[in-house]
C-alpha cells in the first residue's frame, strides 16, 4: 500500500495498530492516519482516518475501534466501511455513526495466476500470495509476480500473515520493499 505524501491531503503518514491475544497471536489490525479539518469556528479539529480495519474476532474488532476512538485530540473518525458494519451496535448511541452509501466495484479473479502475472509494479520486489478459494478451487495455491509483471512460481521464504508483517514493520512510516 503506497502512502505518498502528496496523496495524504496534509494528513500524517499511515500508522498501524495490531490487536494480539494473550498468546501473542495477532487477531486484527487497523491502518490509520491523523489529520485536521476546519471546525467552522476558524480553527480546526482532529480527525482520524481509518484506512483499513480487519479483525478475526468480535473482541479484536471492538478493541481496535476503542483504540481509534481513544486517540487524543480526535473529534471525528472517517472510515469507509461495509453497509452491514457492526460498529453502530457497539456504541451507546448508534446515531453517532453517520453513513453515506458509496458504490464500489469488487472483482473476483477467476484465474488468479493470470491476473497477478498481468500486473506490473515499479518496486524491485517479488509479490507472492497464498490463495484459498473455496468458490473457484483452481485458484487455490501460491501465485505471484515479480518486477514488471514477471511470473513468480515459488516464494523462497515461508509466507507471513499480514498482521505479523504489520506488527514487525509498525515503526516504518510507509510500506517499503523488504530488505
N, C-alpha and C. Protein backbone atom coordinates (compact mmCIF):
# COMPACT_ATOMS: atom_id res chain seq x y z
N UNK A 1 0.85 -1.16 0.00
CA UNK A 1 0.00 0.00 0.00
C UNK A 1 0.90 1.23 0.00
N UNK A 2 0.82 1.98 -1.05
CA UNK A 2 1.63 3.19 -1.17
C UNK A 2 1.04 4.28 -0.27
N UNK A 3 1.90 5.05 0.34
CA UNK A 3 1.49 6.13 1.23
C UNK A 3 2.26 7.39 0.86
N UNK A 4 1.98 7.91 -0.33
CA UNK A 4 2.72 9.06 -0.84
C UNK A 4 2.24 10.35 -0.16
N UNK A 5 3.17 11.21 0.27
CA UNK A 5 2.79 12.45 0.96
C UNK A 5 1.84 13.34 0.14
N UNK A 6 2.01 13.38 -1.16
CA UNK A 6 1.16 14.26 -1.97
C UNK A 6 -0.27 13.75 -2.09
N UNK A 7 -0.55 12.53 -1.66
CA UNK A 7 -1.91 11.99 -1.70
C UNK A 7 -2.60 11.99 -0.34
N UNK A 8 -1.95 12.49 0.69
CA UNK A 8 -2.50 12.45 2.04
C UNK A 8 -3.39 13.63 2.38
N UNK A 9 -3.38 14.67 1.57
CA UNK A 9 -4.20 15.84 1.87
C UNK A 9 -3.78 16.53 3.15
N UNK A 10 -2.49 16.57 3.43
CA UNK A 10 -2.00 17.24 4.63
C UNK A 10 -2.02 16.37 5.88
N UNK A 11 -2.51 15.16 5.79
CA UNK A 11 -2.57 14.27 6.95
C UNK A 11 -1.21 13.59 7.17
N UNK A 12 -1.07 12.98 8.32
CA UNK A 12 0.17 12.29 8.69
C UNK A 12 0.30 10.98 7.91
N UNK A 13 1.46 10.36 8.01
CA UNK A 13 1.69 9.06 7.36
C UNK A 13 0.88 7.97 8.07
N UNK A 14 0.74 6.86 7.39
CA UNK A 14 -0.02 5.74 7.96
C UNK A 14 0.63 5.22 9.23
N UNK A 15 -0.21 4.82 10.15
CA UNK A 15 0.22 4.16 11.38
C UNK A 15 -0.52 2.83 11.45
N UNK A 16 0.05 1.91 12.20
CA UNK A 16 -0.51 0.57 12.30
C UNK A 16 -0.82 0.27 13.75
N UNK A 17 -2.00 -0.31 13.99
CA UNK A 17 -2.36 -0.81 15.31
C UNK A 17 -2.69 -2.28 15.14
N UNK A 18 -2.10 -3.13 15.97
CA UNK A 18 -2.30 -4.57 15.85
C UNK A 18 -2.88 -5.08 17.16
N UNK A 19 -3.95 -5.85 17.06
CA UNK A 19 -4.53 -6.49 18.24
C UNK A 19 -3.93 -7.88 18.38
N UNK A 20 -3.49 -8.20 19.60
CA UNK A 20 -2.93 -9.52 19.87
C UNK A 20 -3.66 -10.17 21.03
N UNK A 21 -3.83 -11.47 20.94
CA UNK A 21 -4.36 -12.23 22.06
C UNK A 21 -3.27 -12.35 23.11
N UNK A 22 -3.61 -12.85 24.29
CA UNK A 22 -2.61 -13.04 25.35
C UNK A 22 -1.49 -13.96 24.91
N UNK A 23 -1.77 -14.87 23.99
CA UNK A 23 -0.74 -15.79 23.50
C UNK A 23 0.24 -15.11 22.55
N UNK A 24 -0.06 -13.89 22.12
CA UNK A 24 0.79 -13.18 21.18
C UNK A 24 0.33 -13.31 19.74
N UNK A 25 -0.70 -14.10 19.49
CA UNK A 25 -1.24 -14.27 18.13
C UNK A 25 -1.98 -13.01 17.71
N UNK A 26 -1.61 -12.47 16.55
CA UNK A 26 -2.28 -11.28 16.02
C UNK A 26 -3.65 -11.66 15.49
N UNK A 27 -4.68 -10.94 15.94
CA UNK A 27 -6.05 -11.26 15.52
C UNK A 27 -6.75 -10.08 14.86
N UNK A 28 -6.04 -9.01 14.59
CA UNK A 28 -6.65 -7.88 13.90
C UNK A 28 -5.66 -6.74 13.75
N UNK A 29 -5.97 -5.83 12.84
CA UNK A 29 -5.12 -4.66 12.65
C UNK A 29 -5.95 -3.50 12.13
N UNK A 30 -5.43 -2.31 12.31
CA UNK A 30 -6.05 -1.10 11.76
C UNK A 30 -4.94 -0.24 11.17
N UNK A 31 -5.16 0.24 9.96
CA UNK A 31 -4.26 1.22 9.34
C UNK A 31 -4.97 2.57 9.49
N UNK A 32 -4.27 3.55 10.05
CA UNK A 32 -4.93 4.83 10.29
C UNK A 32 -3.92 5.96 10.16
N UNK A 33 -4.45 7.16 9.99
CA UNK A 33 -3.61 8.36 9.96
C UNK A 33 -4.39 9.51 10.61
N UNK A 34 -3.64 10.50 11.07
CA UNK A 34 -4.24 11.67 11.71
C UNK A 34 -4.18 12.87 10.80
N UNK A 35 -5.16 13.71 10.92
CA UNK A 35 -5.19 14.95 10.15
C UNK A 35 -6.05 15.97 10.89
N UNK A 36 -6.41 17.03 10.20
CA UNK A 36 -7.29 18.02 10.80
C UNK A 36 -8.24 18.54 9.73
N UNK A 37 -9.41 18.98 10.20
CA UNK A 37 -10.43 19.55 9.31
C UNK A 37 -10.91 20.85 9.93
N UNK A 38 -11.33 21.82 9.11
CA UNK A 38 -11.86 23.07 9.67
C UNK A 38 -13.08 22.78 10.55
N UNK A 39 -13.16 23.49 11.69
CA UNK A 39 -14.25 23.24 12.62
C UNK A 39 -15.41 24.21 12.47
N UNK A 40 -15.35 25.14 11.53
CA UNK A 40 -16.44 26.08 11.32
C UNK A 40 -16.34 27.32 12.20
N UNK A 41 -15.41 27.34 13.12
CA UNK A 41 -15.23 28.49 14.01
C UNK A 41 -13.89 29.16 13.76
N UNK A 42 -13.29 28.88 12.65
CA UNK A 42 -11.99 29.46 12.33
C UNK A 42 -10.81 28.63 12.78
N UNK A 43 -11.07 27.56 13.48
CA UNK A 43 -9.99 26.67 13.93
C UNK A 43 -10.05 25.36 13.17
N UNK A 44 -9.48 24.35 13.78
CA UNK A 44 -9.53 23.03 13.16
C UNK A 44 -9.70 21.97 14.24
N UNK A 45 -10.28 20.85 13.84
CA UNK A 45 -10.48 19.73 14.75
C UNK A 45 -9.72 18.52 14.26
N UNK A 46 -9.35 17.67 15.18
CA UNK A 46 -8.60 16.48 14.81
C UNK A 46 -9.50 15.42 14.20
N UNK A 47 -8.99 14.77 13.17
CA UNK A 47 -9.71 13.68 12.53
C UNK A 47 -8.76 12.50 12.38
N UNK A 48 -9.27 11.32 12.61
CA UNK A 48 -8.52 10.10 12.36
C UNK A 48 -9.16 9.43 11.16
N UNK A 49 -8.35 9.08 10.18
CA UNK A 49 -8.86 8.36 9.02
C UNK A 49 -8.49 6.89 9.22
N UNK A 50 -9.50 6.05 9.37
CA UNK A 50 -9.29 4.61 9.45
C UNK A 50 -9.28 4.09 8.02
N UNK A 51 -8.10 3.85 7.50
CA UNK A 51 -7.95 3.43 6.10
C UNK A 51 -8.41 2.00 5.93
N UNK A 52 -8.09 1.15 6.89
CA UNK A 52 -8.47 -0.26 6.81
C UNK A 52 -8.52 -0.83 8.21
N UNK A 53 -9.52 -1.66 8.47
CA UNK A 53 -9.63 -2.33 9.76
C UNK A 53 -10.09 -3.76 9.48
N UNK A 54 -9.35 -4.73 9.97
CA UNK A 54 -9.70 -6.14 9.78
C UNK A 54 -9.49 -6.87 11.10
N UNK A 55 -10.42 -7.75 11.44
CA UNK A 55 -10.33 -8.49 12.70
C UNK A 55 -10.86 -9.89 12.51
N UNK A 56 -10.27 -10.84 13.25
CA UNK A 56 -10.69 -12.23 13.19
C UNK A 56 -11.76 -12.55 14.23
N UNK A 57 -12.00 -11.63 15.17
CA UNK A 57 -12.99 -11.89 16.22
C UNK A 57 -13.72 -10.59 16.55
N UNK A 58 -14.89 -10.75 17.19
CA UNK A 58 -15.65 -9.56 17.62
C UNK A 58 -14.86 -8.76 18.65
N UNK A 59 -14.16 -9.47 19.52
CA UNK A 59 -13.37 -8.78 20.54
C UNK A 59 -12.28 -7.93 19.90
N UNK A 60 -11.55 -8.47 18.95
CA UNK A 60 -10.50 -7.71 18.28
C UNK A 60 -11.08 -6.51 17.55
N UNK A 61 -12.22 -6.68 16.89
CA UNK A 61 -12.90 -5.59 16.19
C UNK A 61 -13.24 -4.46 17.17
N UNK A 62 -13.86 -4.83 18.31
CA UNK A 62 -14.25 -3.83 19.30
C UNK A 62 -13.04 -3.13 19.91
N UNK A 63 -11.99 -3.87 20.22
CA UNK A 63 -10.79 -3.28 20.82
C UNK A 63 -10.12 -2.30 19.85
N UNK A 64 -10.05 -2.66 18.58
CA UNK A 64 -9.44 -1.76 17.60
C UNK A 64 -10.26 -0.47 17.45
N UNK A 65 -11.58 -0.57 17.44
CA UNK A 65 -12.39 0.64 17.37
C UNK A 65 -12.26 1.48 18.64
N UNK A 66 -12.15 0.82 19.79
CA UNK A 66 -11.94 1.58 21.04
C UNK A 66 -10.61 2.32 20.99
N UNK A 67 -9.59 1.67 20.44
CA UNK A 67 -8.29 2.33 20.28
C UNK A 67 -8.42 3.57 19.40
N UNK A 68 -9.06 3.41 18.24
CA UNK A 68 -9.21 4.54 17.32
C UNK A 68 -10.02 5.67 17.96
N UNK A 69 -11.07 5.32 18.69
CA UNK A 69 -11.91 6.34 19.33
C UNK A 69 -11.17 7.03 20.48
N UNK A 70 -10.13 6.42 21.02
CA UNK A 70 -9.40 6.99 22.14
C UNK A 70 -8.18 7.81 21.77
N UNK A 71 -7.94 8.01 20.48
CA UNK A 71 -6.78 8.79 20.08
C UNK A 71 -6.98 10.25 20.52
N UNK A 72 -5.98 10.80 21.18
CA UNK A 72 -6.07 12.16 21.71
C UNK A 72 -6.34 13.19 20.62
N UNK A 73 -7.14 14.19 20.98
CA UNK A 73 -7.44 15.34 20.14
C UNK A 73 -8.15 14.99 18.84
N UNK A 74 -8.80 13.85 18.81
CA UNK A 74 -9.57 13.45 17.63
C UNK A 74 -11.05 13.59 17.95
N UNK A 75 -11.75 14.38 17.14
CA UNK A 75 -13.18 14.57 17.35
C UNK A 75 -14.02 13.85 16.30
N UNK A 76 -13.36 13.28 15.29
CA UNK A 76 -14.08 12.65 14.19
C UNK A 76 -13.23 11.50 13.66
N UNK A 77 -13.87 10.39 13.31
CA UNK A 77 -13.18 9.28 12.67
C UNK A 77 -13.84 9.07 11.31
N UNK A 78 -13.04 9.10 10.27
CA UNK A 78 -13.52 8.90 8.91
C UNK A 78 -13.18 7.48 8.50
N UNK A 79 -14.20 6.71 8.09
CA UNK A 79 -13.99 5.31 7.73
C UNK A 79 -14.98 4.92 6.65
N UNK A 80 -14.51 4.24 5.66
CA UNK A 80 -15.38 3.76 4.59
C UNK A 80 -15.57 2.27 4.80
N UNK A 81 -16.67 1.90 5.43
CA UNK A 81 -16.91 0.50 5.77
C UNK A 81 -18.05 -0.09 4.98
N UNK A 82 -18.35 -1.33 5.28
CA UNK A 82 -19.43 -2.05 4.61
C UNK A 82 -20.78 -1.56 5.12
N UNK A 83 -21.81 -1.82 4.32
CA UNK A 83 -23.17 -1.40 4.69
C UNK A 83 -23.60 -2.08 5.98
N UNK A 84 -23.20 -3.33 6.18
CA UNK A 84 -23.59 -4.08 7.37
C UNK A 84 -22.53 -4.05 8.47
N UNK A 85 -21.73 -3.00 8.49
CA UNK A 85 -20.67 -2.84 9.51
C UNK A 85 -21.30 -2.89 10.91
N UNK A 86 -20.74 -3.68 11.84
CA UNK A 86 -21.33 -3.79 13.18
C UNK A 86 -21.01 -2.61 14.11
N UNK A 87 -20.24 -1.65 13.68
CA UNK A 87 -19.83 -0.54 14.55
C UNK A 87 -21.00 0.16 15.25
N UNK A 88 -22.10 0.52 14.59
CA UNK A 88 -23.17 1.22 15.31
C UNK A 88 -23.71 0.44 16.51
N UNK A 89 -23.65 -0.89 16.45
CA UNK A 89 -24.17 -1.71 17.54
C UNK A 89 -23.23 -1.78 18.73
N UNK A 90 -22.00 -1.30 18.57
CA UNK A 90 -21.05 -1.27 19.68
C UNK A 90 -21.16 0.02 20.49
N UNK A 91 -21.84 1.01 19.95
CA UNK A 91 -21.88 2.32 20.57
C UNK A 91 -23.11 2.48 21.45
N UNK A 92 -22.98 3.33 22.48
CA UNK A 92 -24.11 3.63 23.34
C UNK A 92 -25.19 4.34 22.51
N UNK A 93 -24.79 5.25 21.64
CA UNK A 93 -25.71 5.95 20.76
C UNK A 93 -25.41 5.59 19.31
N UNK A 94 -26.20 4.69 18.73
CA UNK A 94 -25.94 4.25 17.36
C UNK A 94 -26.05 5.41 16.37
N UNK A 95 -26.72 6.49 16.74
CA UNK A 95 -26.86 7.64 15.84
C UNK A 95 -25.57 8.44 15.71
N UNK A 96 -24.58 8.09 16.51
CA UNK A 96 -23.28 8.78 16.41
C UNK A 96 -22.58 8.41 15.11
N UNK A 97 -22.99 7.31 14.49
CA UNK A 97 -22.40 6.88 13.22
C UNK A 97 -23.29 7.41 12.10
N UNK A 98 -22.67 8.17 11.21
CA UNK A 98 -23.39 8.67 10.04
C UNK A 98 -22.81 7.99 8.81
N UNK A 99 -23.66 7.38 8.04
CA UNK A 99 -23.19 6.67 6.87
C UNK A 99 -23.72 7.27 5.58
N UNK A 100 -22.90 7.21 4.58
CA UNK A 100 -23.30 7.61 3.23
C UNK A 100 -22.98 6.44 2.31
N UNK A 101 -24.01 5.85 1.69
CA UNK A 101 -23.72 4.74 0.78
C UNK A 101 -22.84 5.18 -0.39
N UNK A 102 -21.85 4.36 -0.69
CA UNK A 102 -20.93 4.63 -1.79
C UNK A 102 -20.84 3.36 -2.62
N UNK A 103 -20.96 3.50 -3.92
CA UNK A 103 -20.83 2.33 -4.80
C UNK A 103 -19.36 2.01 -4.99
N UNK A 104 -19.04 0.75 -4.86
CA UNK A 104 -17.69 0.26 -5.10
C UNK A 104 -17.79 -0.99 -5.95
N UNK A 105 -16.80 -1.25 -6.71
CA UNK A 105 -16.78 -2.43 -7.56
C UNK A 105 -15.74 -3.40 -7.02
N UNK A 106 -16.18 -4.59 -6.66
CA UNK A 106 -15.28 -5.64 -6.22
C UNK A 106 -15.22 -6.68 -7.31
N UNK A 107 -14.05 -7.12 -7.66
CA UNK A 107 -13.87 -8.06 -8.75
C UNK A 107 -13.29 -9.36 -8.19
N UNK A 108 -13.84 -10.47 -8.63
CA UNK A 108 -13.31 -11.78 -8.23
C UNK A 108 -12.49 -12.32 -9.39
N UNK A 109 -11.18 -12.46 -9.20
CA UNK A 109 -10.38 -13.04 -10.28
C UNK A 109 -10.74 -14.52 -10.46
N UNK A 110 -11.08 -14.89 -11.69
CA UNK A 110 -11.41 -16.28 -11.98
C UNK A 110 -10.13 -17.07 -12.22
N UNK A 111 -9.08 -16.39 -12.66
CA UNK A 111 -7.78 -17.03 -12.88
C UNK A 111 -6.73 -16.18 -12.16
N UNK A 112 -6.50 -16.49 -10.88
CA UNK A 112 -5.60 -15.67 -10.06
C UNK A 112 -4.18 -15.63 -10.62
N UNK A 113 -3.69 -16.74 -11.15
CA UNK A 113 -2.33 -16.78 -11.69
C UNK A 113 -2.16 -15.81 -12.85
N UNK A 114 -3.09 -15.81 -13.80
CA UNK A 114 -3.00 -14.89 -14.94
C UNK A 114 -3.21 -13.45 -14.50
N UNK A 115 -4.12 -13.23 -13.55
CA UNK A 115 -4.39 -11.86 -13.09
C UNK A 115 -3.16 -11.25 -12.45
N UNK A 116 -2.46 -12.01 -11.61
CA UNK A 116 -1.26 -11.48 -10.97
C UNK A 116 -0.10 -11.36 -11.94
N UNK A 117 0.02 -12.30 -12.86
CA UNK A 117 1.12 -12.23 -13.83
C UNK A 117 0.95 -11.01 -14.74
N UNK A 118 -0.29 -10.56 -14.93
CA UNK A 118 -0.54 -9.39 -15.77
C UNK A 118 -0.33 -8.07 -15.07
N UNK A 119 -0.13 -8.10 -13.77
CA UNK A 119 0.09 -6.86 -13.00
C UNK A 119 1.54 -6.41 -13.13
N UNK A 120 1.75 -5.12 -13.08
CA UNK A 120 3.10 -4.58 -13.06
C UNK A 120 3.25 -3.69 -11.84
N UNK A 121 4.45 -3.58 -11.36
CA UNK A 121 4.76 -2.66 -10.28
C UNK A 121 6.18 -2.17 -10.46
N UNK A 122 6.46 -1.02 -9.87
CA UNK A 122 7.76 -0.37 -10.08
C UNK A 122 8.82 -0.80 -9.09
N UNK A 123 8.43 -1.38 -7.98
CA UNK A 123 9.41 -1.73 -6.95
C UNK A 123 10.12 -3.03 -7.27
N UNK A 124 11.40 -3.14 -6.94
CA UNK A 124 12.15 -4.38 -7.23
C UNK A 124 11.90 -5.43 -6.15
N UNK A 125 10.68 -5.94 -6.10
CA UNK A 125 10.37 -6.97 -5.12
C UNK A 125 9.47 -8.01 -5.76
N UNK A 126 9.43 -9.17 -5.14
CA UNK A 126 8.55 -10.24 -5.58
C UNK A 126 7.32 -10.25 -4.70
N UNK A 127 6.16 -10.36 -5.30
CA UNK A 127 4.89 -10.42 -4.58
C UNK A 127 4.35 -11.83 -4.73
N UNK A 128 4.10 -12.49 -3.61
CA UNK A 128 3.57 -13.85 -3.63
C UNK A 128 2.38 -13.90 -2.68
N UNK A 129 1.27 -14.43 -3.16
CA UNK A 129 0.07 -14.57 -2.35
C UNK A 129 -0.30 -16.03 -2.24
N UNK A 130 -0.60 -16.48 -1.02
CA UNK A 130 -1.17 -17.80 -0.82
C UNK A 130 -2.68 -17.62 -0.88
N UNK A 131 -3.32 -18.23 -1.85
CA UNK A 131 -4.75 -18.04 -2.09
C UNK A 131 -5.51 -19.29 -1.67
N UNK A 132 -6.57 -19.11 -0.91
CA UNK A 132 -7.51 -20.18 -0.59
C UNK A 132 -8.86 -19.73 -1.10
N UNK A 133 -9.40 -20.43 -2.09
CA UNK A 133 -10.62 -20.01 -2.75
C UNK A 133 -11.55 -21.21 -2.86
N UNK A 134 -12.56 -21.26 -1.99
CA UNK A 134 -13.50 -22.39 -2.00
C UNK A 134 -14.47 -22.29 -3.17
N UNK A 135 -14.74 -21.09 -3.66
CA UNK A 135 -15.68 -20.90 -4.76
C UNK A 135 -15.05 -21.27 -6.10
N UNK A 136 -13.81 -20.86 -6.31
CA UNK A 136 -13.04 -21.21 -7.52
C UNK A 136 -11.81 -22.00 -7.07
N UNK A 137 -11.96 -23.30 -6.77
CA UNK A 137 -10.86 -24.06 -6.17
C UNK A 137 -9.59 -24.12 -7.01
N UNK A 138 -9.68 -23.92 -8.32
CA UNK A 138 -8.48 -23.92 -9.16
C UNK A 138 -7.57 -22.74 -8.86
N UNK A 139 -8.07 -21.72 -8.16
CA UNK A 139 -7.24 -20.59 -7.75
C UNK A 139 -6.41 -20.89 -6.52
N UNK A 140 -6.77 -21.92 -5.76
CA UNK A 140 -6.07 -22.24 -4.53
C UNK A 140 -4.62 -22.60 -4.84
N UNK A 141 -3.72 -21.97 -4.12
CA UNK A 141 -2.30 -22.22 -4.32
C UNK A 141 -1.50 -20.94 -4.16
N UNK A 142 -0.24 -20.99 -4.51
CA UNK A 142 0.65 -19.85 -4.38
C UNK A 142 0.81 -19.18 -5.74
N UNK A 143 0.47 -17.90 -5.80
CA UNK A 143 0.54 -17.14 -7.05
C UNK A 143 1.30 -15.86 -6.79
N UNK A 144 1.95 -15.34 -7.81
CA UNK A 144 2.64 -14.09 -7.61
C UNK A 144 3.21 -13.52 -8.88
N UNK A 145 3.89 -12.42 -8.71
CA UNK A 145 4.56 -11.77 -9.83
C UNK A 145 5.79 -11.05 -9.30
N UNK A 146 6.72 -10.83 -10.19
CA UNK A 146 7.93 -10.10 -9.85
C UNK A 146 7.89 -8.72 -10.48
N UNK A 147 9.00 -8.03 -10.48
CA UNK A 147 9.04 -6.70 -11.09
C UNK A 147 8.60 -6.75 -12.55
N UNK A 148 7.89 -5.74 -12.95
CA UNK A 148 7.40 -5.60 -14.33
C UNK A 148 6.53 -6.78 -14.75
N UNK A 149 5.86 -7.43 -13.78
CA UNK A 149 4.91 -8.49 -14.09
C UNK A 149 5.51 -9.83 -14.42
N UNK A 150 6.78 -10.05 -14.16
CA UNK A 150 7.37 -11.35 -14.46
C UNK A 150 6.76 -12.41 -13.53
N UNK A 151 6.34 -13.54 -14.05
CA UNK A 151 5.70 -14.56 -13.20
C UNK A 151 6.64 -15.05 -12.11
N UNK A 152 6.06 -15.44 -11.01
CA UNK A 152 6.81 -15.91 -9.86
C UNK A 152 6.15 -17.19 -9.39
N UNK A 153 6.85 -18.31 -9.40
CA UNK A 153 6.23 -19.60 -9.11
C UNK A 153 6.30 -19.96 -7.62
N UNK A 154 7.35 -19.58 -6.92
CA UNK A 154 7.51 -20.01 -5.53
C UNK A 154 8.15 -18.89 -4.72
N UNK A 155 7.93 -18.95 -3.44
CA UNK A 155 8.47 -17.96 -2.52
C UNK A 155 9.62 -18.60 -1.75
N UNK A 156 10.83 -18.02 -1.76
CA UNK A 156 11.94 -18.64 -1.04
C UNK A 156 11.76 -18.61 0.47
N UNK A 157 10.96 -17.68 0.99
CA UNK A 157 10.72 -17.61 2.42
C UNK A 157 9.31 -18.08 2.72
N UNK A 158 9.06 -18.64 3.91
CA UNK A 158 7.69 -19.04 4.23
C UNK A 158 6.79 -17.80 4.28
N UNK A 159 5.52 -17.93 3.87
CA UNK A 159 4.62 -16.77 3.89
C UNK A 159 4.37 -16.30 5.32
N UNK A 160 4.12 -15.00 5.46
CA UNK A 160 3.80 -14.41 6.76
C UNK A 160 2.43 -13.76 6.66
N UNK A 161 1.58 -13.94 7.65
CA UNK A 161 0.28 -13.25 7.63
C UNK A 161 0.51 -11.74 7.66
N UNK A 162 -0.40 -11.00 7.07
CA UNK A 162 -0.25 -9.54 7.00
C UNK A 162 -0.20 -8.93 8.40
N UNK A 163 -0.89 -9.51 9.38
CA UNK A 163 -0.84 -8.97 10.74
C UNK A 163 0.57 -9.06 11.30
N UNK A 164 1.26 -10.18 11.04
CA UNK A 164 2.64 -10.33 11.53
C UNK A 164 3.55 -9.33 10.82
N UNK A 165 3.32 -9.12 9.52
CA UNK A 165 4.14 -8.17 8.77
C UNK A 165 3.92 -6.75 9.31
N UNK A 166 2.66 -6.39 9.56
CA UNK A 166 2.37 -5.04 10.06
C UNK A 166 2.98 -4.83 11.44
N UNK A 167 2.91 -5.87 12.29
CA UNK A 167 3.48 -5.74 13.64
C UNK A 167 4.99 -5.54 13.56
N UNK A 168 5.65 -6.30 12.67
CA UNK A 168 7.10 -6.21 12.55
C UNK A 168 7.53 -4.86 11.98
N UNK A 169 6.71 -4.28 11.12
CA UNK A 169 7.10 -3.06 10.42
C UNK A 169 6.33 -1.83 10.89
N UNK A 170 5.76 -1.87 12.08
CA UNK A 170 4.90 -0.77 12.53
C UNK A 170 5.66 0.54 12.74
N UNK A 171 6.97 0.51 12.86
CA UNK A 171 7.72 1.75 13.06
C UNK A 171 7.98 2.47 11.74
N UNK A 172 7.80 1.79 10.61
CA UNK A 172 8.04 2.42 9.32
C UNK A 172 6.90 3.36 8.96
N UNK A 173 7.20 4.51 8.39
CA UNK A 173 6.15 5.46 8.05
C UNK A 173 5.33 5.02 6.84
N UNK A 174 5.83 4.16 6.00
CA UNK A 174 5.07 3.69 4.85
C UNK A 174 5.58 2.31 4.47
N UNK A 175 4.85 1.64 3.61
CA UNK A 175 5.25 0.32 3.17
C UNK A 175 6.49 0.45 2.32
N UNK A 176 7.43 -0.40 2.54
CA UNK A 176 8.68 -0.35 1.79
C UNK A 176 9.06 -1.76 1.36
N UNK A 177 9.91 -1.84 0.39
CA UNK A 177 10.38 -3.14 -0.08
C UNK A 177 11.16 -3.82 1.03
N UNK A 178 10.98 -5.14 1.21
CA UNK A 178 11.75 -5.85 2.23
C UNK A 178 13.24 -5.75 1.95
N UNK A 179 14.03 -5.73 3.01
CA UNK A 179 15.49 -5.62 2.85
C UNK A 179 16.11 -6.97 2.76
